[in-house]
Amino acid sequence: MRQFVSGTEIRTYVQNRVDADPRLRSARAKILIPMPKPTATESMTGCNWTMHYIGQYGDLQRIADDAVAIVQNDFNIGGPGQPG
């Protein structure tokens, strides 16, 4: 079951996962994670947010994509009347 947290917390969780990836450290690169965007409805998996990138990360994009997928499994953006 997903926890409800703020968009800022989601961004921090994703950024921390990206920053910890050894492929990124060995490439001496930095990926800056944007704020998540709420979706109009939950996806088929139950997630209520997405993240869009400009695509400037080339081969390193997979690192960000993997981090987003993991965090989407655990967290939704909380709103009024929702726990968290």
N, C-alpha and C. Protein backbone atom coordinates (compact mmCIF):
# COMPACT_ATOMS: atom_id res chain seq x y z
N MET A 1 0.83 -1.17 0.00
CA MET A 1 0.00 0.00 0.00
C MET A 1 0.88 1.25 0.00
N ARG A 2 0.54 2.18 -0.84
CA ARG A 2 1.31 3.42 -0.95
C ARG A 2 1.05 4.36 0.22
N GLN A 3 2.07 5.09 0.60
CA GLN A 3 1.93 6.14 1.59
C GLN A 3 1.62 7.44 0.86
N PHE A 4 0.88 8.33 1.50
CA PHE A 4 0.62 9.65 0.95
C PHE A 4 1.63 10.63 1.53
N VAL A 5 2.36 11.31 0.64
CA VAL A 5 3.36 12.29 1.04
C VAL A 5 3.26 13.50 0.11
N SER A 6 4.02 14.54 0.40
CA SER A 6 4.00 15.73 -0.44
C SER A 6 4.82 15.51 -1.71
N GLY A 7 4.59 16.36 -2.68
CA GLY A 7 5.38 16.31 -3.91
C GLY A 7 6.85 16.54 -3.65
N THR A 8 7.15 17.42 -2.71
CA THR A 8 8.54 17.70 -2.35
C THR A 8 9.21 16.44 -1.79
N GLU A 9 8.49 15.70 -0.96
CA GLU A 9 9.05 14.46 -0.40
C GLU A 9 9.30 13.44 -1.51
N ILE A 10 8.37 13.33 -2.45
CA ILE A 10 8.56 12.40 -3.57
C ILE A 10 9.81 12.77 -4.35
N ARG A 11 9.94 14.04 -4.66
CA ARG A 11 11.11 14.51 -5.40
C ARG A 11 12.40 14.18 -4.64
N THR A 12 12.40 14.37 -3.34
CA THR A 12 13.57 14.06 -2.52
C THR A 12 13.88 12.57 -2.54
N TYR A 13 12.87 11.72 -2.42
CA TYR A 13 13.09 10.26 -2.47
C TYR A 13 13.72 9.85 -3.79
N VAL A 14 13.18 10.39 -4.89
CA VAL A 14 13.73 10.04 -6.21
C VAL A 14 15.15 10.57 -6.35
N GLN A 15 15.38 11.83 -5.95
CA GLN A 15 16.72 12.42 -6.07
C GLN A 15 17.74 11.62 -5.27
N ASN A 16 17.38 11.20 -4.06
CA ASN A 16 18.31 10.42 -3.24
C ASN A 16 18.65 9.09 -3.89
N ARG A 17 17.67 8.44 -4.50
CA ARG A 17 17.94 7.17 -5.19
C ARG A 17 18.86 7.39 -6.39
N VAL A 18 18.59 8.44 -7.14
CA VAL A 18 19.43 8.74 -8.30
C VAL A 18 20.85 9.05 -7.86
N ASP A 19 21.00 9.89 -6.86
CA ASP A 19 22.33 10.29 -6.39
C ASP A 19 23.13 9.11 -5.85
N ALA A 20 22.44 8.09 -5.33
CA ALA A 20 23.13 6.93 -4.76
C ALA A 20 23.56 5.91 -5.81
N ASP A 21 23.12 6.07 -7.03
CA ASP A 21 23.42 5.07 -8.07
C ASP A 21 24.90 5.14 -8.46
N PRO A 22 25.60 4.02 -8.37
CA PRO A 22 27.04 4.04 -8.68
C PRO A 22 27.34 4.36 -10.14
N ARG A 23 26.42 4.07 -11.06
CA ARG A 23 26.66 4.40 -12.48
C ARG A 23 26.75 5.91 -12.66
N LEU A 24 25.96 6.64 -11.91
CA LEU A 24 25.98 8.09 -12.01
C LEU A 24 27.27 8.66 -11.41
N ARG A 25 27.67 8.10 -10.29
CA ARG A 25 28.92 8.57 -9.65
C ARG A 25 30.11 8.31 -10.56
N SER A 26 30.15 7.14 -11.20
CA SER A 26 31.30 6.84 -12.05
C SER A 26 31.31 7.70 -13.32
N ALA A 27 30.14 8.17 -13.75
CA ALA A 27 30.06 9.06 -14.91
C ALA A 27 30.33 10.51 -14.53
N ARG A 28 30.42 10.79 -13.23
CA ARG A 28 30.62 12.15 -12.73
C ARG A 28 29.57 13.11 -13.30
N ALA A 29 28.34 12.65 -13.23
CA ALA A 29 27.22 13.42 -13.76
C ALA A 29 26.23 13.73 -12.65
N LYS A 30 25.37 14.69 -12.93
CA LYS A 30 24.32 15.06 -11.98
C LYS A 30 23.00 15.13 -12.73
N ILE A 31 22.01 14.42 -12.22
CA ILE A 31 20.66 14.48 -12.76
C ILE A 31 19.82 15.24 -11.74
N LEU A 32 19.19 16.29 -12.18
CA LEU A 32 18.32 17.07 -11.30
C LEU A 32 16.89 16.63 -11.52
N ILE A 33 16.27 16.14 -10.46
CA ILE A 33 14.92 15.58 -10.52
C ILE A 33 13.89 16.71 -10.40
N PRO A 34 12.90 16.73 -11.31
CA PRO A 34 11.86 17.76 -11.24
C PRO A 34 10.79 17.38 -10.21
N MET A 35 9.89 18.31 -9.95
CA MET A 35 8.74 18.02 -9.08
C MET A 35 7.81 17.06 -9.79
N PRO A 36 7.20 16.14 -9.06
CA PRO A 36 6.21 15.25 -9.69
C PRO A 36 4.96 16.04 -10.07
N LYS A 37 4.29 15.58 -11.09
CA LYS A 37 3.05 16.21 -11.53
C LYS A 37 1.90 15.26 -11.23
N PRO A 38 0.88 15.74 -10.53
CA PRO A 38 -0.28 14.88 -10.28
C PRO A 38 -0.95 14.51 -11.61
N THR A 39 -1.49 13.32 -11.66
CA THR A 39 -2.24 12.89 -12.84
C THR A 39 -3.73 13.07 -12.58
N ALA A 40 -4.50 13.17 -13.64
CA ALA A 40 -5.94 13.38 -13.51
C ALA A 40 -6.61 12.19 -12.81
N THR A 41 -6.12 11.01 -13.08
CA THR A 41 -6.63 9.80 -12.46
C THR A 41 -5.45 8.91 -12.11
N GLU A 42 -5.68 7.96 -11.24
CA GLU A 42 -4.62 7.00 -10.92
C GLU A 42 -4.32 6.15 -12.14
N SER A 43 -3.07 5.77 -12.31
CA SER A 43 -2.70 4.87 -13.39
C SER A 43 -3.25 3.47 -13.07
N MET A 44 -3.06 2.58 -13.99
CA MET A 44 -3.52 1.20 -13.78
C MET A 44 -2.82 0.57 -12.58
N THR A 45 -1.65 1.07 -12.24
CA THR A 45 -0.92 0.53 -11.09
C THR A 45 -1.32 1.19 -9.78
N GLY A 46 -2.13 2.26 -9.85
CA GLY A 46 -2.58 2.94 -8.64
C GLY A 46 -1.80 4.19 -8.28
N CYS A 47 -0.80 4.55 -9.08
CA CYS A 47 -0.01 5.74 -8.80
C CYS A 47 -0.76 6.97 -9.30
N ASN A 48 -0.67 8.08 -8.54
CA ASN A 48 -1.39 9.29 -8.92
C ASN A 48 -0.47 10.44 -9.34
N TRP A 49 0.77 10.14 -9.75
CA TRP A 49 1.70 11.17 -10.19
C TRP A 49 2.65 10.64 -11.25
N THR A 50 3.27 11.56 -11.95
CA THR A 50 4.28 11.22 -12.95
C THR A 50 5.37 12.27 -12.91
N MET A 51 6.48 12.00 -13.59
CA MET A 51 7.58 12.95 -13.69
C MET A 51 8.00 13.03 -15.14
N HIS A 52 8.22 14.26 -15.59
CA HIS A 52 8.64 14.45 -16.97
C HIS A 52 10.04 15.05 -17.00
N TYR A 53 10.86 14.52 -17.90
CA TYR A 53 12.24 14.99 -18.04
C TYR A 53 12.38 15.65 -19.39
N ILE A 54 13.36 16.49 -19.49
CA ILE A 54 13.63 17.16 -20.75
C ILE A 54 14.37 16.21 -21.69
N GLY A 55 15.00 15.21 -21.17
CA GLY A 55 15.68 14.22 -21.99
C GLY A 55 17.14 14.51 -22.25
N GLN A 56 17.74 15.38 -21.47
CA GLN A 56 19.13 15.74 -21.69
C GLN A 56 20.11 14.76 -21.06
N TYR A 57 19.62 13.67 -20.52
CA TYR A 57 20.51 12.78 -19.77
C TYR A 57 21.04 11.60 -20.58
N GLY A 58 20.62 11.46 -21.80
CA GLY A 58 21.17 10.41 -22.68
C GLY A 58 21.11 9.03 -22.07
N ASP A 59 22.25 8.37 -22.05
CA ASP A 59 22.33 6.99 -21.54
C ASP A 59 22.03 6.91 -20.05
N LEU A 60 22.15 8.01 -19.33
CA LEU A 60 21.90 8.00 -17.89
C LEU A 60 20.41 8.11 -17.55
N GLN A 61 19.58 8.36 -18.54
CA GLN A 61 18.14 8.52 -18.32
C GLN A 61 17.54 7.30 -17.61
N ARG A 62 18.06 6.14 -17.91
CA ARG A 62 17.54 4.90 -17.30
C ARG A 62 17.66 4.93 -15.78
N ILE A 63 18.70 5.58 -15.26
CA ILE A 63 18.88 5.68 -13.81
C ILE A 63 17.69 6.43 -13.20
N ALA A 64 17.34 7.56 -13.79
CA ALA A 64 16.19 8.33 -13.30
C ALA A 64 14.90 7.56 -13.47
N ASP A 65 14.72 6.91 -14.62
CA ASP A 65 13.50 6.14 -14.86
C ASP A 65 13.33 5.03 -13.83
N ASP A 66 14.41 4.34 -13.52
CA ASP A 66 14.36 3.26 -12.53
C ASP A 66 13.99 3.80 -11.15
N ALA A 67 14.58 4.92 -10.77
CA ALA A 67 14.29 5.52 -9.46
C ALA A 67 12.83 5.95 -9.37
N VAL A 68 12.31 6.56 -10.43
CA VAL A 68 10.91 6.97 -10.44
C VAL A 68 10.00 5.76 -10.30
N ALA A 69 10.26 4.70 -11.03
CA ALA A 69 9.42 3.51 -10.97
C ALA A 69 9.38 2.92 -9.57
N ILE A 70 10.51 2.89 -8.89
CA ILE A 70 10.56 2.36 -7.53
C ILE A 70 9.73 3.22 -6.58
N VAL A 71 9.91 4.54 -6.66
CA VAL A 71 9.21 5.45 -5.76
C VAL A 71 7.71 5.46 -6.08
N GLN A 72 7.34 5.31 -7.34
CA GLN A 72 5.92 5.25 -7.70
C GLN A 72 5.23 4.04 -7.07
N ASN A 73 5.96 3.00 -6.80
CA ASN A 73 5.40 1.82 -6.13
C ASN A 73 5.07 2.08 -4.67
N ASP A 74 5.76 3.03 -4.06
CA ASP A 74 5.66 3.23 -2.61
C ASP A 74 4.89 4.46 -2.18
N PHE A 75 4.80 5.49 -3.04
CA PHE A 75 4.25 6.77 -2.60
C PHE A 75 3.27 7.37 -3.61
N ASN A 76 2.24 8.00 -3.11
CA ASN A 76 1.33 8.84 -3.87
C ASN A 76 1.36 10.24 -3.28
N ILE A 77 1.00 11.23 -4.10
CA ILE A 77 0.91 12.58 -3.61
C ILE A 77 -0.34 12.69 -2.73
N GLY A 78 -0.15 13.13 -1.51
CA GLY A 78 -1.27 13.29 -0.59
C GLY A 78 -1.96 14.62 -0.84
N GLY A 79 -3.24 14.64 -0.51
CA GLY A 79 -4.01 15.86 -0.67
C GLY A 79 -4.92 16.05 0.51
N PRO A 80 -5.77 17.07 0.45
CA PRO A 80 -6.71 17.30 1.55
C PRO A 80 -7.57 16.07 1.82
N GLY A 81 -7.67 15.72 3.07
CA GLY A 81 -8.51 14.59 3.45
C GLY A 81 -7.83 13.23 3.30
N GLN A 82 -6.59 13.22 2.82
CA GLN A 82 -5.87 11.97 2.68
C GLN A 82 -4.85 11.85 3.81
N PRO A 83 -4.63 10.62 4.26
CA PRO A 83 -3.64 10.45 5.32
C PRO A 83 -2.25 10.81 4.82
N GLY A 84 -1.38 11.16 5.75
CA GLY A 84 0.01 11.45 5.40
C GLY A 84 0.19 12.87 5.24
